[in-house]
């Protein structure tokens, strides 16, 4: 197995949208999601009830490398209130759009 050091993931503050909080998941795996990075959680306004986990993108891990050096983290999120679209960008520069209207609990 090859070993390498990796930089810490960027710290991103939760995004507050109306009565919802959007939280970037880093360094823990909610509800059996077996990847680190690429996941956001939607919470109610005081973080007492988790409403949804959203896998924004999947990371395919290679067995010959340590898993943590292959993690790809979200580096920015932005919300467009006119379209109800969440824009998510990862460390590789890939951009994803999530229509929050399509998420039943949001």
N, C-alpha and C. Protein backbone atom coordinates (compact mmCIF):
# COMPACT_ATOMS: atom_id res chain seq x y z
N UNK A 1 0.85 -1.19 0.00
CA UNK A 1 0.00 0.00 0.00
C UNK A 1 0.89 1.24 0.00
N UNK A 2 0.55 2.22 -0.81
CA UNK A 2 1.29 3.47 -0.86
C UNK A 2 0.78 4.42 0.22
N UNK A 3 1.68 5.24 0.75
CA UNK A 3 1.32 6.18 1.80
C UNK A 3 1.67 7.60 1.36
N UNK A 4 0.85 8.53 1.72
CA UNK A 4 1.10 9.94 1.41
C UNK A 4 0.38 10.80 2.43
N UNK A 5 0.85 12.04 2.53
CA UNK A 5 0.17 12.98 3.42
C UNK A 5 -0.82 13.79 2.61
N UNK A 6 -1.90 14.17 3.25
CA UNK A 6 -2.91 14.97 2.58
C UNK A 6 -3.21 16.21 3.41
N UNK A 7 -3.57 17.28 2.75
CA UNK A 7 -3.91 18.51 3.46
C UNK A 7 -5.26 18.37 4.14
N UNK A 8 -5.45 19.12 5.20
CA UNK A 8 -6.75 19.11 5.89
C UNK A 8 -7.82 19.68 4.97
N UNK A 9 -9.03 19.17 5.09
CA UNK A 9 -10.11 19.71 4.25
C UNK A 9 -10.41 21.15 4.61
N UNK A 10 -10.91 21.93 3.67
CA UNK A 10 -11.24 23.32 3.97
C UNK A 10 -12.40 23.39 4.96
N UNK A 11 -12.35 24.37 5.84
CA UNK A 11 -13.45 24.56 6.79
C UNK A 11 -14.50 25.45 6.14
N UNK A 12 -15.73 24.97 6.10
CA UNK A 12 -16.82 25.71 5.49
C UNK A 12 -17.91 25.88 6.54
N UNK A 13 -18.28 27.09 6.80
CA UNK A 13 -19.34 27.36 7.76
C UNK A 13 -20.68 26.88 7.21
N UNK A 14 -21.59 26.47 8.11
CA UNK A 14 -22.93 26.09 7.64
C UNK A 14 -23.58 27.23 6.88
N UNK A 15 -24.44 26.88 5.95
CA UNK A 15 -25.18 27.86 5.16
C UNK A 15 -26.61 27.88 5.69
N UNK A 16 -27.10 29.05 6.03
CA UNK A 16 -28.44 29.19 6.59
C UNK A 16 -29.40 29.66 5.50
N UNK A 17 -30.42 28.84 5.24
CA UNK A 17 -31.40 29.15 4.20
C UNK A 17 -32.78 29.09 4.83
N UNK A 18 -33.36 30.23 5.09
CA UNK A 18 -34.67 30.26 5.75
C UNK A 18 -34.61 29.59 7.10
N UNK A 19 -35.38 28.53 7.26
CA UNK A 19 -35.38 27.79 8.53
C UNK A 19 -34.52 26.54 8.47
N UNK A 20 -33.66 26.43 7.46
CA UNK A 20 -32.82 25.26 7.29
C UNK A 20 -31.35 25.63 7.39
N UNK A 21 -30.56 24.67 7.85
CA UNK A 21 -29.11 24.79 7.88
C UNK A 21 -28.52 23.72 6.98
N UNK A 22 -27.61 24.13 6.12
CA UNK A 22 -26.91 23.19 5.24
C UNK A 22 -25.51 23.04 5.82
N UNK A 23 -25.14 21.82 6.17
CA UNK A 23 -23.87 21.55 6.80
C UNK A 23 -23.03 20.63 5.91
N UNK A 24 -21.76 20.97 5.72
CA UNK A 24 -20.85 20.13 4.96
C UNK A 24 -20.33 19.05 5.90
N UNK A 25 -20.42 17.80 5.46
CA UNK A 25 -19.95 16.67 6.29
C UNK A 25 -18.48 16.43 6.00
N UNK A 26 -17.67 16.45 7.07
CA UNK A 26 -16.24 16.18 6.96
C UNK A 26 -15.82 15.31 8.14
N UNK A 27 -15.05 14.29 7.85
CA UNK A 27 -14.44 13.41 8.86
C UNK A 27 -15.43 12.64 9.71
N UNK A 28 -16.60 12.40 9.20
CA UNK A 28 -17.49 11.39 9.77
C UNK A 28 -18.44 10.93 8.68
N UNK A 29 -18.99 9.77 8.87
CA UNK A 29 -19.78 9.13 7.83
C UNK A 29 -21.20 8.94 8.33
N UNK A 30 -22.12 9.80 7.90
CA UNK A 30 -23.50 9.69 8.38
C UNK A 30 -24.23 8.51 7.76
N UNK A 31 -24.98 7.81 8.58
CA UNK A 31 -25.90 6.77 8.10
C UNK A 31 -25.31 5.85 7.03
N UNK A 32 -24.14 5.30 7.33
CA UNK A 32 -23.51 4.29 6.47
C UNK A 32 -23.10 4.81 5.09
N UNK A 33 -22.85 6.10 4.96
CA UNK A 33 -22.27 6.63 3.72
C UNK A 33 -20.77 6.44 3.85
N UNK A 34 -20.19 5.61 3.02
CA UNK A 34 -18.80 5.21 3.20
C UNK A 34 -17.83 6.03 2.35
N UNK A 35 -17.92 7.33 2.48
CA UNK A 35 -16.93 8.20 1.86
C UNK A 35 -16.80 9.45 2.70
N UNK A 36 -15.62 10.07 2.62
CA UNK A 36 -15.36 11.28 3.36
C UNK A 36 -15.28 12.42 2.35
N UNK A 37 -16.25 13.32 2.41
CA UNK A 37 -16.34 14.41 1.45
C UNK A 37 -17.47 14.15 0.47
N UNK A 38 -18.00 15.22 -0.09
CA UNK A 38 -19.05 15.09 -1.08
C UNK A 38 -20.44 14.90 -0.51
N UNK A 39 -20.59 15.10 0.80
CA UNK A 39 -21.88 14.90 1.46
C UNK A 39 -22.28 16.16 2.21
N UNK A 40 -23.54 16.53 2.08
CA UNK A 40 -24.07 17.63 2.88
C UNK A 40 -25.28 17.11 3.67
N UNK A 41 -25.54 17.78 4.78
CA UNK A 41 -26.70 17.47 5.61
C UNK A 41 -27.61 18.68 5.65
N UNK A 42 -28.90 18.43 5.68
CA UNK A 42 -29.87 19.49 5.88
C UNK A 42 -30.47 19.30 7.27
N UNK A 43 -30.39 20.35 8.07
CA UNK A 43 -30.90 20.33 9.45
C UNK A 43 -31.97 21.40 9.61
N UNK A 44 -32.78 21.24 10.63
CA UNK A 44 -33.68 22.33 10.98
C UNK A 44 -32.84 23.48 11.55
N UNK A 45 -33.46 24.61 11.80
CA UNK A 45 -32.74 25.82 12.16
C UNK A 45 -31.88 25.80 13.40
N UNK A 46 -32.11 24.87 14.32
CA UNK A 46 -31.27 24.84 15.52
C UNK A 46 -30.42 23.57 15.62
N UNK A 47 -30.27 22.87 14.52
CA UNK A 47 -29.46 21.65 14.45
C UNK A 47 -29.94 20.56 15.41
N UNK A 48 -31.22 20.54 15.76
CA UNK A 48 -31.72 19.51 16.66
C UNK A 48 -32.31 18.32 15.89
N UNK A 49 -32.70 18.53 14.63
CA UNK A 49 -33.28 17.45 13.83
C UNK A 49 -32.63 17.45 12.45
N UNK A 50 -31.99 16.31 12.11
CA UNK A 50 -31.43 16.18 10.76
C UNK A 50 -32.56 15.76 9.83
N UNK A 51 -32.73 16.53 8.74
CA UNK A 51 -33.80 16.28 7.80
C UNK A 51 -33.37 15.40 6.63
N UNK A 52 -32.11 15.52 6.22
CA UNK A 52 -31.69 14.77 5.05
C UNK A 52 -30.17 14.75 4.93
N UNK A 53 -29.64 13.66 4.36
CA UNK A 53 -28.26 13.58 3.90
C UNK A 53 -28.31 13.60 2.38
N UNK A 54 -27.43 14.36 1.76
CA UNK A 54 -27.37 14.41 0.31
C UNK A 54 -25.95 14.07 -0.13
N UNK A 55 -25.83 13.02 -0.94
CA UNK A 55 -24.54 12.70 -1.54
C UNK A 55 -24.45 13.53 -2.82
N UNK A 56 -23.61 14.54 -2.80
CA UNK A 56 -23.47 15.44 -3.95
C UNK A 56 -22.72 14.73 -5.07
N UNK A 57 -21.68 13.99 -4.72
CA UNK A 57 -20.92 13.21 -5.68
C UNK A 57 -20.31 12.01 -4.96
N UNK A 58 -19.96 11.00 -5.72
CA UNK A 58 -19.35 9.79 -5.18
C UNK A 58 -17.85 9.81 -5.45
N UNK A 59 -17.10 9.30 -4.50
CA UNK A 59 -15.66 9.13 -4.66
C UNK A 59 -15.38 7.64 -4.86
N UNK A 60 -14.70 7.30 -5.93
CA UNK A 60 -14.31 5.92 -6.18
C UNK A 60 -12.89 5.74 -5.64
N UNK A 61 -12.76 4.83 -4.67
CA UNK A 61 -11.48 4.61 -4.01
C UNK A 61 -10.73 3.45 -4.66
N UNK A 62 -9.42 3.62 -4.80
CA UNK A 62 -8.55 2.57 -5.32
C UNK A 62 -7.94 1.83 -4.13
N UNK A 63 -7.96 0.52 -4.18
CA UNK A 63 -7.48 -0.29 -3.06
C UNK A 63 -6.00 -0.10 -2.78
N UNK A 64 -5.20 0.22 -3.79
CA UNK A 64 -3.76 0.31 -3.60
C UNK A 64 -3.32 1.61 -2.92
N UNK A 65 -4.24 2.54 -2.73
CA UNK A 65 -3.91 3.81 -2.06
C UNK A 65 -4.68 3.93 -0.76
N UNK A 66 -4.09 4.66 0.18
CA UNK A 66 -4.81 4.95 1.42
C UNK A 66 -6.07 5.74 1.07
N UNK A 67 -7.12 5.43 1.78
CA UNK A 67 -8.41 6.05 1.48
C UNK A 67 -8.37 7.58 1.70
N UNK A 68 -7.70 8.02 2.78
CA UNK A 68 -7.75 9.44 3.10
C UNK A 68 -7.05 10.34 2.08
N UNK A 69 -6.09 9.82 1.32
CA UNK A 69 -5.45 10.65 0.30
C UNK A 69 -6.29 10.76 -0.96
N UNK A 70 -7.34 9.94 -1.04
CA UNK A 70 -8.22 9.97 -2.21
C UNK A 70 -9.50 10.78 -1.95
N UNK A 71 -9.72 11.17 -0.70
CA UNK A 71 -10.91 11.95 -0.37
C UNK A 71 -10.93 13.24 -1.16
N UNK A 72 -12.11 13.62 -1.63
CA UNK A 72 -12.29 14.88 -2.36
C UNK A 72 -13.35 15.67 -1.61
N UNK A 73 -12.96 16.83 -1.11
CA UNK A 73 -13.83 17.60 -0.24
C UNK A 73 -14.52 18.75 -0.96
N UNK A 74 -15.65 19.11 -0.44
CA UNK A 74 -16.36 20.30 -0.91
C UNK A 74 -15.56 21.51 -0.44
N UNK A 75 -15.35 22.47 -1.34
CA UNK A 75 -14.58 23.66 -0.96
C UNK A 75 -15.42 24.93 -0.95
N UNK A 76 -16.63 24.89 -1.57
CA UNK A 76 -17.50 26.06 -1.48
C UNK A 76 -18.95 25.67 -1.77
N UNK A 77 -19.84 26.40 -1.12
CA UNK A 77 -21.27 26.27 -1.41
C UNK A 77 -21.86 27.66 -1.49
N UNK A 78 -22.79 27.84 -2.40
CA UNK A 78 -23.48 29.12 -2.57
C UNK A 78 -24.95 28.82 -2.83
N UNK A 79 -25.80 29.72 -2.39
CA UNK A 79 -27.24 29.53 -2.59
C UNK A 79 -27.79 30.69 -3.41
N UNK A 80 -28.57 30.35 -4.44
CA UNK A 80 -29.24 31.35 -5.25
C UNK A 80 -30.72 31.33 -4.88
N UNK A 81 -31.16 32.32 -4.14
CA UNK A 81 -32.54 32.34 -3.65
C UNK A 81 -33.56 32.54 -4.77
N UNK A 82 -33.15 33.12 -5.90
CA UNK A 82 -34.10 33.33 -6.99
C UNK A 82 -34.46 32.03 -7.71
N UNK A 83 -33.57 31.03 -7.64
CA UNK A 83 -33.82 29.75 -8.30
C UNK A 83 -33.96 28.59 -7.32
N UNK A 84 -33.64 28.84 -6.04
CA UNK A 84 -33.64 27.80 -5.00
C UNK A 84 -32.62 26.71 -5.32
N UNK A 85 -31.51 27.12 -5.93
CA UNK A 85 -30.45 26.19 -6.33
C UNK A 85 -29.23 26.39 -5.44
N UNK A 86 -28.69 25.27 -4.99
CA UNK A 86 -27.46 25.25 -4.22
C UNK A 86 -26.33 24.88 -5.17
N UNK A 87 -25.29 25.72 -5.22
CA UNK A 87 -24.11 25.46 -6.07
C UNK A 87 -23.01 24.92 -5.16
N UNK A 88 -22.48 23.75 -5.50
CA UNK A 88 -21.46 23.09 -4.70
C UNK A 88 -20.23 22.85 -5.57
N UNK A 89 -19.07 23.25 -5.07
CA UNK A 89 -17.83 23.03 -5.81
C UNK A 89 -16.89 22.20 -4.95
N UNK A 90 -16.19 21.23 -5.58
CA UNK A 90 -15.23 20.43 -4.82
C UNK A 90 -13.80 20.85 -5.14
N UNK A 91 -12.87 20.22 -4.45
CA UNK A 91 -11.44 20.57 -4.57
C UNK A 91 -10.89 20.35 -5.98
N UNK A 92 -11.54 19.52 -6.76
CA UNK A 92 -11.08 19.27 -8.13
C UNK A 92 -11.63 20.28 -9.12
N UNK A 93 -12.43 21.24 -8.61
CA UNK A 93 -13.01 22.26 -9.47
C UNK A 93 -14.30 21.84 -10.13
N UNK A 94 -14.81 20.67 -9.78
CA UNK A 94 -16.08 20.22 -10.34
C UNK A 94 -17.23 20.92 -9.62
N UNK A 95 -18.23 21.34 -10.39
CA UNK A 95 -19.36 22.09 -9.85
C UNK A 95 -20.63 21.26 -10.00
N UNK A 96 -21.42 21.25 -8.94
CA UNK A 96 -22.68 20.50 -8.91
C UNK A 96 -23.79 21.46 -8.50
N UNK A 97 -24.98 21.24 -9.02
CA UNK A 97 -26.13 22.07 -8.69
C UNK A 97 -27.22 21.20 -8.09
N UNK A 98 -27.77 21.63 -6.98
CA UNK A 98 -28.83 20.89 -6.30
C UNK A 98 -30.05 21.80 -6.22
N UNK A 99 -31.14 21.34 -6.80
CA UNK A 99 -32.40 22.06 -6.73
C UNK A 99 -33.07 21.71 -5.41
N UNK A 100 -33.04 22.61 -4.46
CA UNK A 100 -33.56 22.31 -3.14
C UNK A 100 -35.07 22.07 -3.14
N UNK A 101 -35.75 22.52 -4.18
CA UNK A 101 -37.19 22.28 -4.29
C UNK A 101 -37.48 20.80 -4.53
N UNK A 102 -36.51 20.05 -5.04
CA UNK A 102 -36.72 18.63 -5.31
C UNK A 102 -36.48 17.74 -4.11
N UNK A 103 -35.98 18.33 -3.04
CA UNK A 103 -35.72 17.58 -1.82
C UNK A 103 -36.95 17.68 -0.93
N UNK A 104 -37.61 16.57 -0.74
CA UNK A 104 -38.92 16.57 -0.07
C UNK A 104 -38.90 17.24 1.29
N UNK A 105 -37.84 17.05 2.05
CA UNK A 105 -37.85 17.59 3.41
C UNK A 105 -37.32 19.01 3.50
N UNK A 106 -36.83 19.58 2.41
CA UNK A 106 -36.27 20.94 2.46
C UNK A 106 -37.22 21.97 1.97
